[in-house]
Amino acid sequence: MSVDRRELQDHLRQIGVSEGALVMAHTSVSGLQFTENDKPVAGGFLGAANCLVKDLLELVGPAGTLVMPTHPQYQDEDALLPDARRRDQVINYDPQRTPCGA
């Protein structure tokens, strides 16, 4: 699905996303592609995801709150299983550095 970035920003404003707002966005972006000036935004769906988050943060401003679930990506998801043999493989989640995906 292709969406004009400015049109989406306008729509978000129309539904009440504004300075100081509390916004919860629960959405998949894997099929989203933004366009600007009739040209695709670089980066595919990751570029679109970055644009969406940036736009939402700009709309709510520093006084607002944006809440979005994320799904951490781990190279060895088996290490997350509760298994005494895997104690040496504990994954430390760092919200500032752990990559995430949808």
PDB file of N, CA and C in Angstrom:
ATOM      1  N   MET A   1       0.846  -1.177   0.000  1.00  0.00           N
ATOM      2  CA  MET A   1       0.000   0.000   0.000  1.00  0.00           C
ATOM      3  C   MET A   1       0.888   1.237   0.000  1.00  0.00           C
ATOM      4  N   SER A   2       0.619   2.159  -0.864  1.00  0.00           N
ATOM      5  CA  SER A   2       1.390   3.390  -0.954  1.00  0.00           C
ATOM      6  C   SER A   2       0.556   4.544  -0.391  1.00  0.00           C
ATOM      7  N   VAL A   3       1.185   5.332   0.472  1.00  0.00           N
ATOM      8  CA  VAL A   3       0.495   6.443   1.135  1.00  0.00           C
ATOM      9  C   VAL A   3       1.335   7.698   0.993  1.00  0.00           C
ATOM     10  N   ASP A   4       0.705   8.798   0.609  1.00  0.00           N
ATOM     11  CA  ASP A   4       1.406  10.071   0.583  1.00  0.00           C
ATOM     12  C   ASP A   4       1.633  10.532   2.024  1.00  0.00           C
ATOM     13  N   ARG A   5       2.872  10.790   2.346  1.00  0.00           N
ATOM     14  CA  ARG A   5       3.236  11.127   3.728  1.00  0.00           C
ATOM     15  C   ARG A   5       2.488  12.349   4.244  1.00  0.00           C
ATOM     16  N   ARG A   6       2.383  13.378   3.455  1.00  0.00           N
ATOM     17  CA  ARG A   6       1.686  14.605   3.893  1.00  0.00           C
ATOM     18  C   ARG A   6       0.183  14.358   4.089  1.00  0.00           C
ATOM     19  N   GLU A   7      -0.403  13.543   3.224  1.00  0.00           N
ATOM     20  CA  GLU A   7      -1.825  13.217   3.381  1.00  0.00           C
ATOM     21  C   GLU A   7      -2.062  12.458   4.688  1.00  0.00           C
ATOM     22  N   LEU A   8      -1.165  11.534   5.024  1.00  0.00           N
ATOM     23  CA  LEU A   8      -1.312  10.808   6.280  1.00  0.00           C
ATOM     24  C   LEU A   8      -1.142  11.751   7.469  1.00  0.00           C
ATOM     25  N   GLN A   9      -0.181  12.662   7.404  1.00  0.00           N
ATOM     26  CA  GLN A   9      -0.003  13.639   8.479  1.00  0.00           C
ATOM     27  C   GLN A   9      -1.284  14.459   8.659  1.00  0.00           C
ATOM     28  N   ASP A  10      -1.868  14.913   7.554  1.00  0.00           N
ATOM     29  CA  ASP A  10      -3.113  15.686   7.628  1.00  0.00           C
ATOM     30  C   ASP A  10      -4.236  14.861   8.242  1.00  0.00           C
ATOM     31  N   HIS A  11      -4.345  13.606   7.836  1.00  0.00           N
ATOM     32  CA  HIS A  11      -5.383  12.728   8.383  1.00  0.00           C
ATOM     33  C   HIS A  11      -5.182  12.533   9.887  1.00  0.00           C
ATOM     34  N   LEU A  12      -3.949  12.321  10.308  1.00  0.00           N
ATOM     35  CA  LEU A  12      -3.672  12.151  11.738  1.00  0.00           C
ATOM     36  C   LEU A  12      -4.078  13.393  12.524  1.00  0.00           C
ATOM     37  N   ARG A  13      -3.802  14.564  11.969  1.00  0.00           N
ATOM     38  CA  ARG A  13      -4.231  15.813  12.633  1.00  0.00           C
ATOM     39  C   ARG A  13      -5.763  15.867  12.729  1.00  0.00           C
ATOM     40  N   GLN A  14      -6.451  15.469  11.654  1.00  0.00           N
ATOM     41  CA  GLN A  14      -7.913  15.517  11.629  1.00  0.00           C
ATOM     42  C   GLN A  14      -8.538  14.604  12.682  1.00  0.00           C
ATOM     43  N   ILE A  15      -7.878  13.499  12.999  1.00  0.00           N
ATOM     44  CA  ILE A  15      -8.453  12.584  13.995  1.00  0.00           C
ATOM     45  C   ILE A  15      -7.974  12.881  15.413  1.00  0.00           C
ATOM     46  N   GLY A  16      -7.237  13.991  15.580  1.00  0.00           N
ATOM     47  CA  GLY A  16      -6.902  14.439  16.927  1.00  0.00           C
ATOM     48  C   GLY A  16      -5.481  14.243  17.389  1.00  0.00           C
ATOM     49  N   VAL A  17      -4.600  13.803  16.514  1.00  0.00           N
ATOM     50  CA  VAL A  17      -3.196  13.671  16.906  1.00  0.00           C
ATOM     51  C   VAL A  17      -2.593  15.069  16.864  1.00  0.00           C
ATOM     52  N   SER A  18      -2.273  15.594  18.056  1.00  0.00           N
ATOM     53  CA  SER A  18      -1.796  16.968  18.136  1.00  0.00           C
ATOM     54  C   SER A  18      -0.826  17.112  19.308  1.00  0.00           C
ATOM     55  N   GLU A  19      -0.250  18.286  19.416  1.00  0.00           N
ATOM     56  CA  GLU A  19       0.692  18.609  20.489  1.00  0.00           C
ATOM     57  C   GLU A  19       0.104  18.224  21.847  1.00  0.00           C
ATOM     58  N   GLY A  20       0.844  17.438  22.602  1.00  0.00           N
ATOM     59  CA  GLY A  20       0.429  17.046  23.938  1.00  0.00           C
ATOM     60  C   GLY A  20      -0.476  15.826  24.008  1.00  0.00           C
ATOM     61  N   ALA A  21      -0.820  15.254  22.860  1.00  0.00           N
ATOM     62  CA  ALA A  21      -1.741  14.109  22.839  1.00  0.00           C
ATOM     63  C   ALA A  21      -1.058  12.833  23.337  1.00  0.00           C
ATOM     64  N   LEU A  22      -1.882  11.913  23.824  1.00  0.00           N
ATOM     65  CA  LEU A  22      -1.450  10.555  24.149  1.00  0.00           C
ATOM     66  C   LEU A  22      -1.926   9.683  22.993  1.00  0.00           C
ATOM     67  N   VAL A  23      -0.995   9.052  22.281  1.00  0.00           N
ATOM     68  CA  VAL A  23      -1.322   8.264  21.097  1.00  0.00           C
ATOM     69  C   VAL A  23      -0.769   6.859  21.260  1.00  0.00           C
ATOM     70  N   MET A  24      -1.643   5.873  21.053  1.00  0.00           N
ATOM     71  CA  MET A  24      -1.184   4.493  21.000  1.00  0.00           C
ATOM     72  C   MET A  24      -1.356   4.026  19.562  1.00  0.00           C
ATOM     73  N   ALA A  25      -0.258   3.628  18.951  1.00  0.00           N
ATOM     74  CA  ALA A  25      -0.286   3.148  17.572  1.00  0.00           C
ATOM     75  C   ALA A  25       0.116   1.681  17.575  1.00  0.00           C
ATOM     76  N   HIS A  26      -0.793   0.840  17.138  1.00  0.00           N
ATOM     77  CA  HIS A  26      -0.530  -0.602  17.038  1.00  0.00           C
ATOM     78  C   HIS A  26      -0.784  -0.973  15.590  1.00  0.00           C
ATOM     79  N   THR A  27       0.276  -1.034  14.814  1.00  0.00           N
ATOM     80  CA  THR A  27       0.113  -1.208  13.380  1.00  0.00           C
ATOM     81  C   THR A  27       1.250  -2.022  12.788  1.00  0.00           C
ATOM     82  N   SER A  28       0.963  -2.690  11.721  1.00  0.00           N
ATOM     83  CA  SER A  28       1.988  -3.373  10.955  1.00  0.00           C
ATOM     84  C   SER A  28       2.426  -2.429   9.844  1.00  0.00           C
ATOM     85  N   VAL A  29       3.712  -2.360   9.612  1.00  0.00           N
ATOM     86  CA  VAL A  29       4.214  -1.495   8.543  1.00  0.00           C
ATOM     87  C   VAL A  29       4.888  -2.288   7.432  1.00  0.00           C
ATOM     88  N   SER A  30       4.814  -3.620   7.510  1.00  0.00           N
ATOM     89  CA  SER A  30       5.544  -4.439   6.539  1.00  0.00           C
ATOM     90  C   SER A  30       5.088  -4.201   5.100  1.00  0.00           C
ATOM     91  N   GLY A  31       3.861  -3.784   4.880  1.00  0.00           N
ATOM     92  CA  GLY A  31       3.383  -3.537   3.525  1.00  0.00           C
ATOM     93  C   GLY A  31       3.223  -2.066   3.198  1.00  0.00           C
ATOM     94  N   LEU A  32       3.698  -1.201   4.083  1.00  0.00           N
ATOM     95  CA  LEU A  32       3.508   0.241   3.912  1.00  0.00           C
ATOM     96  C   LEU A  32       4.656   0.862   3.137  1.00  0.00           C
ATOM     97  N   GLN A  33       4.319   1.745   2.216  1.00  0.00           N
ATOM     98  CA  GLN A  33       5.337   2.524   1.520  1.00  0.00           C
ATOM     99  C   GLN A  33       4.852   3.957   1.446  1.00  0.00           C
ATOM    100  N   PHE A  34       5.671   4.873   1.938  1.00  0.00           N
ATOM    101  CA  PHE A  34       5.358   6.292   1.874  1.00  0.00           C
ATOM    102  C   PHE A  34       5.876   6.879   0.570  1.00  0.00           C
ATOM    103  N   THR A  35       5.153   7.871   0.082  1.00  0.00           N
ATOM    104  CA  THR A  35       5.635   8.660  -1.043  1.00  0.00           C
ATOM    105  C   THR A  35       5.695  10.114  -0.596  1.00  0.00           C
ATOM    106  N   GLU A  36       6.624  10.841  -1.184  1.00  0.00           N
ATOM    107  CA  GLU A  36       6.719  12.290  -1.012  1.00  0.00           C
ATOM    108  C   GLU A  36       6.956  12.879  -2.386  1.00  0.00           C
ATOM    109  N   ASN A  37       6.148  13.852  -2.743  1.00  0.00           N
ATOM    110  CA  ASN A  37       6.244  14.463  -4.075  1.00  0.00           C
ATOM    111  C   ASN A  37       6.177  13.401  -5.174  1.00  0.00           C
ATOM    112  N   ASP A  38       5.268  12.454  -4.998  1.00  0.00           N
ATOM    113  CA  ASP A  38       5.027  11.371  -5.959  1.00  0.00           C
ATOM    114  C   ASP A  38       6.221  10.432  -6.156  1.00  0.00           C
ATOM    115  N   LYS A  39       7.164  10.428  -5.199  1.00  0.00           N
ATOM    116  CA  LYS A  39       8.309   9.523  -5.279  1.00  0.00           C
ATOM    117  C   LYS A  39       8.356   8.678  -4.005  1.00  0.00           C
ATOM    118  N   PRO A  40       8.675   7.385  -4.121  1.00  0.00           N
ATOM    119  CA  PRO A  40       8.759   6.537  -2.932  1.00  0.00           C
ATOM    120  C   PRO A  40       9.836   7.019  -1.967  1.00  0.00           C
ATOM    121  N   VAL A  41       9.531   6.968  -0.681  1.00  0.00           N
ATOM    122  CA  VAL A  41      10.525   7.275   0.343  1.00  0.00           C
ATOM    123  C   VAL A  41      11.529   6.130   0.362  1.00  0.00           C
ATOM    124  N   ALA A  42      12.798   6.449   0.429  1.00  0.00           N
ATOM    125  CA  ALA A  42      13.857   5.430   0.408  1.00  0.00           C
ATOM    126  C   ALA A  42      13.756   4.509   1.616  1.00  0.00           C
ATOM    127  N   GLY A  43      14.174   3.267   1.427  1.00  0.00           N
ATOM    128  CA  GLY A  43      14.262   2.340   2.547  1.00  0.00           C
ATOM    129  C   GLY A  43      13.129   1.348   2.647  1.00  0.00           C
ATOM    130  N   GLY A  44      12.223   1.324   1.673  1.00  0.00           N
ATOM    131  CA  GLY A  44      11.126   0.362   1.722  1.00  0.00           C
ATOM    132  C   GLY A  44      10.284   0.510   2.974  1.00  0.00           C
ATOM    133  N   PHE A  45       9.817  -0.624   3.534  1.00  0.00           N
ATOM    134  CA  PHE A  45       8.944  -0.530   4.700  1.00  0.00           C
ATOM    135  C   PHE A  45       9.691  -0.034   5.933  1.00  0.00           C
ATOM    136  N   LEU A  46      11.006  -0.247   6.008  1.00  0.00           N
ATOM    137  CA  LEU A  46      11.764   0.287   7.147  1.00  0.00           C
ATOM    138  C   LEU A  46      11.840   1.811   7.064  1.00  0.00           C
ATOM    139  N   GLY A  47      12.001   2.321   5.856  1.00  0.00           N
ATOM    140  CA  GLY A  47      11.970   3.770   5.669  1.00  0.00           C
ATOM    141  C   GLY A  47      10.607   4.335   6.024  1.00  0.00           C
ATOM    142  N   ALA A  48       9.545   3.621   5.631  1.00  0.00           N
ATOM    143  CA  ALA A  48       8.181   4.041   5.957  1.00  0.00           C
ATOM    144  C   ALA A  48       7.958   4.005   7.471  1.00  0.00           C
ATOM    145  N   ALA A  49       8.451   2.952   8.121  1.00  0.00           N
ATOM    146  CA  ALA A  49       8.303   2.850   9.572  1.00  0.00           C
ATOM    147  C   ALA A  49       9.006   4.008  10.267  1.00  0.00           C
ATOM    148  N   ASN A  50      10.207   4.332   9.813  1.00  0.00           N
ATOM    149  CA  ASN A  50      10.935   5.455  10.405  1.00  0.00           C
ATOM    150  C   ASN A  50      10.185   6.769  10.211  1.00  0.00           C
ATOM    151  N   CYS A  51       9.624   6.957   9.018  1.00  0.00           N
ATOM    152  CA  CYS A  51       8.844   8.170   8.744  1.00  0.00           C
ATOM    153  C   CYS A  51       7.615   8.240   9.639  1.00  0.00           C
ATOM    154  N   LEU A  52       6.916   7.122   9.790  1.00  0.00           N
ATOM    155  CA  LEU A  52       5.708   7.098  10.607  1.00  0.00           C
ATOM    156  C   LEU A  52       6.021   7.465  12.054  1.00  0.00           C
ATOM    157  N   VAL A  53       7.050   6.858  12.619  1.00  0.00           N
ATOM    158  CA  VAL A  53       7.414   7.163  14.003  1.00  0.00           C
ATOM    159  C   VAL A  53       7.839   8.624  14.132  1.00  0.00           C
ATOM    160  N   LYS A  54       8.669   9.080  13.215  1.00  0.00           N
ATOM    161  CA  LYS A  54       9.121  10.477  13.241  1.00  0.00           C
ATOM    162  C   LYS A  54       7.931  11.435  13.164  1.00  0.00           C
ATOM    163  N   ASP A  55       7.006  11.164  12.238  1.00  0.00           N
ATOM    164  CA  ASP A  55       5.839  12.038  12.076  1.00  0.00           C
ATOM    165  C   ASP A  55       4.957  12.040  13.324  1.00  0.00           C
ATOM    166  N   LEU A  56       4.717  10.863  13.891  1.00  0.00           N
ATOM    167  CA  LEU A  56       3.895  10.799  15.105  1.00  0.00           C
ATOM    168  C   LEU A  56       4.555  11.557  16.255  1.00  0.00           C
ATOM    169  N   LEU A  57       5.862  11.385  16.413  1.00  0.00           N
ATOM    170  CA  LEU A  57       6.575  12.100  17.481  1.00  0.00           C
ATOM    171  C   LEU A  57       6.513  13.611  17.268  1.00  0.00           C
ATOM    172  N   GLU A  58       6.655  14.042  16.017  1.00  0.00           N
ATOM    173  CA  GLU A  58       6.557  15.480  15.734  1.00  0.00           C
ATOM    174  C   GLU A  58       5.161  16.010  16.034  1.00  0.00           C
ATOM    175  N   LEU A  59       4.131  15.229  15.698  1.00  0.00           N
ATOM    176  CA  LEU A  59       2.756  15.681  15.925  1.00  0.00           C
ATOM    177  C   LEU A  59       2.417  15.781  17.410  1.00  0.00           C
ATOM    178  N   VAL A  60       2.851  14.823  18.228  1.00  0.00           N
ATOM    179  CA  VAL A  60       2.530  14.880  19.661  1.00  0.00           C
ATOM    180  C   VAL A  60       3.463  15.819  20.405  1.00  0.00           C
ATOM    181  N   GLY A  61       4.641  16.073  19.842  1.00  0.00           N
ATOM    182  CA  GLY A  61       5.588  17.004  20.443  1.00  0.00           C
ATOM    183  C   GLY A  61       6.167  16.503  21.752  1.00  0.00           C
ATOM    184  N   PRO A  62       7.021  17.304  22.366  1.00  0.00           N
ATOM    185  CA  PRO A  62       7.698  16.888  23.598  1.00  0.00           C
ATOM    186  C   PRO A  62       6.747  16.730  24.789  1.00  0.00           C
ATOM    187  N   ALA A  63       5.590  17.355  24.726  1.00  0.00           N
ATOM    188  CA  ALA A  63       4.623  17.231  25.831  1.00  0.00           C
ATOM    189  C   ALA A  63       3.696  16.037  25.650  1.00  0.00           C
ATOM    190  N   GLY A  64       3.720  15.404  24.482  1.00  0.00           N
ATOM    191  CA  GLY A  64       2.848  14.268  24.208  1.00  0.00           C
ATOM    192  C   GLY A  64       3.518  12.948  24.502  1.00  0.00           C
ATOM    193  N   THR A  65       2.742  11.880  24.340  1.00  0.00           N
ATOM    194  CA  THR A  65       3.243  10.530  24.574  1.00  0.00           C
ATOM    195  C   THR A  65       2.847   9.643  23.410  1.00  0.00           C
ATOM    196  N   LEU A  66       3.826   8.921  22.868  1.00  0.00           N
ATOM    197  CA  LEU A  66       3.586   7.948  21.809  1.00  0.00           C
ATOM    198  C   LEU A  66       3.890   6.570  22.372  1.00  0.00           C
ATOM    199  N   VAL A  67       2.903   5.682  22.318  1.00  0.00           N
ATOM    200  CA  VAL A  67       3.058   4.314  22.809  1.00  0.00           C
ATOM    201  C   VAL A  67       2.921   3.379  21.617  1.00  0.00           C
ATOM    202  N   MET A  68       3.940   2.538  21.411  1.00  0.00           N
ATOM    203  CA  MET A  68       3.914   1.583  20.305  1.00  0.00           C
ATOM    204  C   MET A  68       4.552   0.282  20.771  1.00  0.00           C
ATOM    205  N   PRO A  69       3.876  -0.851  20.566  1.00  0.00           N
ATOM    206  CA  PRO A  69       4.530  -2.128  20.883  1.00  0.00           C
ATOM    207  C   PRO A  69       5.614  -2.426  19.857  1.00  0.00           C
ATOM    208  N   THR A  70       6.667  -3.075  20.301  1.00  0.00           N
ATOM    209  CA  THR A  70       7.721  -3.524  19.396  1.00  0.00           C
ATOM    210  C   THR A  70       8.004  -4.981  19.675  1.00  0.00           C
ATOM    211  N   HIS A  71       8.674  -5.616  18.778  1.00  0.00           N
ATOM    212  CA  HIS A  71       8.986  -7.029  18.911  1.00  0.00           C
ATOM    213  C   HIS A  71      10.493  -7.202  18.782  1.00  0.00           C
ATOM    214  N   PRO A  72      11.207  -7.393  19.916  1.00  0.00           N
ATOM    215  CA  PRO A  72      12.666  -7.525  19.851  1.00  0.00           C
ATOM    216  C   PRO A  72      13.087  -8.673  18.942  1.00  0.00           C
ATOM    217  N   GLN A  73      14.158  -8.454  18.224  1.00  0.00           N
ATOM    218  CA  GLN A  73      14.722  -9.480  17.369  1.00  0.00           C
ATOM    219  C   GLN A  73      15.975 -10.032  18.052  1.00  0.00           C
ATOM    220  N   TYR A  74      16.030 -11.340  18.228  1.00  0.00           N
ATOM    221  CA  TYR A  74      17.169 -11.984  18.845  1.00  0.00           C
ATOM    222  C   TYR A  74      17.784 -12.949  17.842  1.00  0.00           C
ATOM    223  N   GLN A  75      19.093 -12.987  17.811  1.00  0.00           N
ATOM    224  CA  GLN A  75      19.758 -13.887  16.876  1.00  0.00           C
ATOM    225  C   GLN A  75      19.494 -15.338  17.244  1.00  0.00           C
ATOM    226  N   ASP A  76      19.377 -15.642  18.526  1.00  0.00           N
ATOM    227  CA  ASP A  76      19.151 -17.014  18.977  1.00  0.00           C
ATOM    228  C   ASP A  76      17.939 -17.019  19.898  1.00  0.00           C
ATOM    229  N   GLU A  77      16.749 -17.095  19.312  1.00  0.00           N
ATOM    230  CA  GLU A  77      15.542 -17.022  20.127  1.00  0.00           C
ATOM    231  C   GLU A  77      15.416 -18.199  21.077  1.00  0.00           C
ATOM    232  N   ASP A  78      16.084 -19.330  20.802  1.00  0.00           N
ATOM    233  CA  ASP A  78      16.052 -20.456  21.734  1.00  0.00           C
ATOM    234  C   ASP A  78      16.626 -20.067  23.086  1.00  0.00           C
ATOM    235  N   ALA A  79      17.499 -19.059  23.098  1.00  0.00           N
ATOM    236  CA  ALA A  79      18.106 -18.623  24.354  1.00  0.00           C
ATOM    237  C   ALA A  79      17.073 -18.016  25.297  1.00  0.00           C
ATOM    238  N   LEU A  80      15.905 -17.682  24.774  1.00  0.00           N
ATOM    239  CA  LEU A  80      14.865 -17.101  25.617  1.00  0.00           C
ATOM    240  C   LEU A  80      14.071 -18.160  26.367  1.00  0.00           C
ATOM    241  N   LEU A  81      14.202 -19.412  25.967  1.00  0.00           N
ATOM    242  CA  LEU A  81      13.435 -20.478  26.601  1.00  0.00           C
ATOM    243  C   LEU A  81      13.907 -20.713  28.026  1.00  0.00           C
ATOM    244  N   PRO A  82      12.966 -20.966  28.955  1.00  0.00           N
ATOM    245  CA  PRO A  82      13.354 -21.229  30.344  1.00  0.00           C
ATOM    246  C   PRO A  82      13.969 -22.622  30.466  1.00  0.00           C
ATOM    247  N   ASP A  83      15.262 -22.680  30.351  1.00  0.00           N
ATOM    248  CA  ASP A  83      15.970 -23.951  30.350  1.00  0.00           C
ATOM    249  C   ASP A  83      17.262 -23.759  31.133  1.00  0.00           C
ATOM    250  N   ALA A  84      17.440 -24.534  32.198  1.00  0.00           N
ATOM    251  CA  ALA A  84      18.599 -24.377  33.060  1.00  0.00           C
ATOM    252  C   ALA A  84      19.904 -24.509  32.282  1.00  0.00           C
ATOM    253  N   ARG A  85      19.899 -25.286  31.199  1.00  0.00           N
ATOM    254  CA  ARG A  85      21.124 -25.464  30.418  1.00  0.00           C
ATOM    255  C   ARG A  85      21.489 -24.214  29.636  1.00  0.00           C
ATOM    256  N   ARG A  86      20.591 -23.254  29.530  1.00  0.00           N
ATOM    257  CA  ARG A  86      20.835 -22.066  28.723  1.00  0.00           C
ATOM    258  C   ARG A  86      21.185 -20.845  29.574  1.00  0.00           C
ATOM    259  N   ARG A  87      21.516 -21.027  30.818  1.00  0.00           N
ATOM    260  CA  ARG A  87      21.805 -19.878  31.682  1.00  0.00           C
ATOM    261  C   ARG A  87      22.957 -19.037  31.162  1.00  0.00           C
ATOM    262  N   ASP A  88      23.865 -19.658  30.429  1.00  0.00           N
ATOM    263  CA  ASP A  88      24.990 -18.903  29.888  1.00  0.00           C
ATOM    264  C   ASP A  88      24.595 -18.092  28.660  1.00  0.00           C
ATOM    265  N   GLN A  89      23.369 -18.257  28.186  1.00  0.00           N
ATOM    266  CA  GLN A  89      22.907 -17.559  26.993  1.00  0.00           C
ATOM    267  C   GLN A  89      21.842 -16.513  27.313  1.00  0.00           C
ATOM    268  N   VAL A  90      21.869 -15.975  28.506  1.00  0.00           N
ATOM    269  CA  VAL A  90      20.868 -14.978  28.886  1.00  0.00           C
ATOM    270  C   VAL A  90      20.994 -13.767  27.956  1.00  0.00           C
ATOM    271  N   ILE A  91      19.864 -13.301  27.475  1.00  0.00           N
ATOM    272  CA  ILE A  91      19.843 -12.126  26.608  1.00  0.00           C
ATOM    273  C   ILE A  91      19.423 -10.927  27.439  1.00  0.00           C
ATOM    274  N   ASN A  92      20.266  -9.939  27.477  1.00  0.00           N
ATOM    275  CA  ASN A  92      19.953  -8.715  28.210  1.00  0.00           C
ATOM    276  C   ASN A  92      19.259  -7.742  27.267  1.00  0.00           C
ATOM    277  N   TYR A  93      18.048  -7.383  27.624  1.00  0.00           N
ATOM    278  CA  TYR A  93      17.282  -6.446  26.807  1.00  0.00           C
ATOM    279  C   TYR A  93      17.661  -5.023  27.199  1.00  0.00           C
ATOM    280  N   ASP A  94      18.096  -4.242  26.241  1.00  0.00           N
ATOM    281  CA  ASP A  94      18.445  -2.838  26.441  1.00  0.00           C
ATOM    282  C   ASP A  94      17.552  -2.030  25.517  1.00  0.00           C
ATOM    283  N   PRO A  95      16.576  -1.286  26.071  1.00  0.00           N
ATOM    284  CA  PRO A  95      15.631  -0.558  25.207  1.00  0.00           C
ATOM    285  C   PRO A  95      16.287   0.460  24.295  1.00  0.00           C
ATOM    286  N   GLN A  96      17.493   0.877  24.597  1.00  0.00           N
ATOM    287  CA  GLN A  96      18.182   1.843  23.754  1.00  0.00           C
ATOM    288  C   GLN A  96      18.961   1.172  22.611  1.00  0.00           C
ATOM    289  N   ARG A  97      19.300  -0.136  22.768  1.00  0.00           N
ATOM    290  CA  ARG A  97      20.175  -0.747  21.764  1.00  0.00           C
ATOM    291  C   ARG A  97      19.658  -2.051  21.180  1.00  0.00           C
ATOM    292  N   THR A  98      18.671  -2.700  21.793  1.00  0.00           N
ATOM    293  CA  THR A  98      18.189  -3.976  21.262  1.00  0.00           C
ATOM    294  C   THR A  98      17.335  -3.714  20.022  1.00  0.00           C
ATOM    295  N   PRO A  99      17.711  -4.300  18.870  1.00  0.00           N
ATOM    296  CA  PRO A  99      16.910  -4.083  17.661  1.00  0.00           C
ATOM    297  C   PRO A  99      15.525  -4.701  17.801  1.00  0.00           C
ATOM    298  N   CYS A 100      14.569  -4.163  17.096  1.00  0.00           N
ATOM    299  CA  CYS A 100      13.219  -4.706  17.138  1.00  0.00           C
ATOM    300  C   CYS A 100      12.628  -4.726  15.751  1.00  0.00           C
ATOM    301  N   GLY A 101      11.547  -5.452  15.601  1.00  0.00           N
ATOM    302  CA  GLY A 101      10.883  -5.545  14.317  1.00  0.00           C
ATOM    303  C   GLY A 101       9.414  -5.829  14.521  1.00  0.00           C
ATOM    304  N   ALA A 102       8.669  -5.808  13.443  1.00  0.00           N
ATOM    305  CA  ALA A 102       7.234  -6.043  13.529  1.00  0.00           C
ATOM    306  C   ALA A 102       6.923  -7.491  13.273  1.00  0.00           C
TER     307      ALA A 102
END
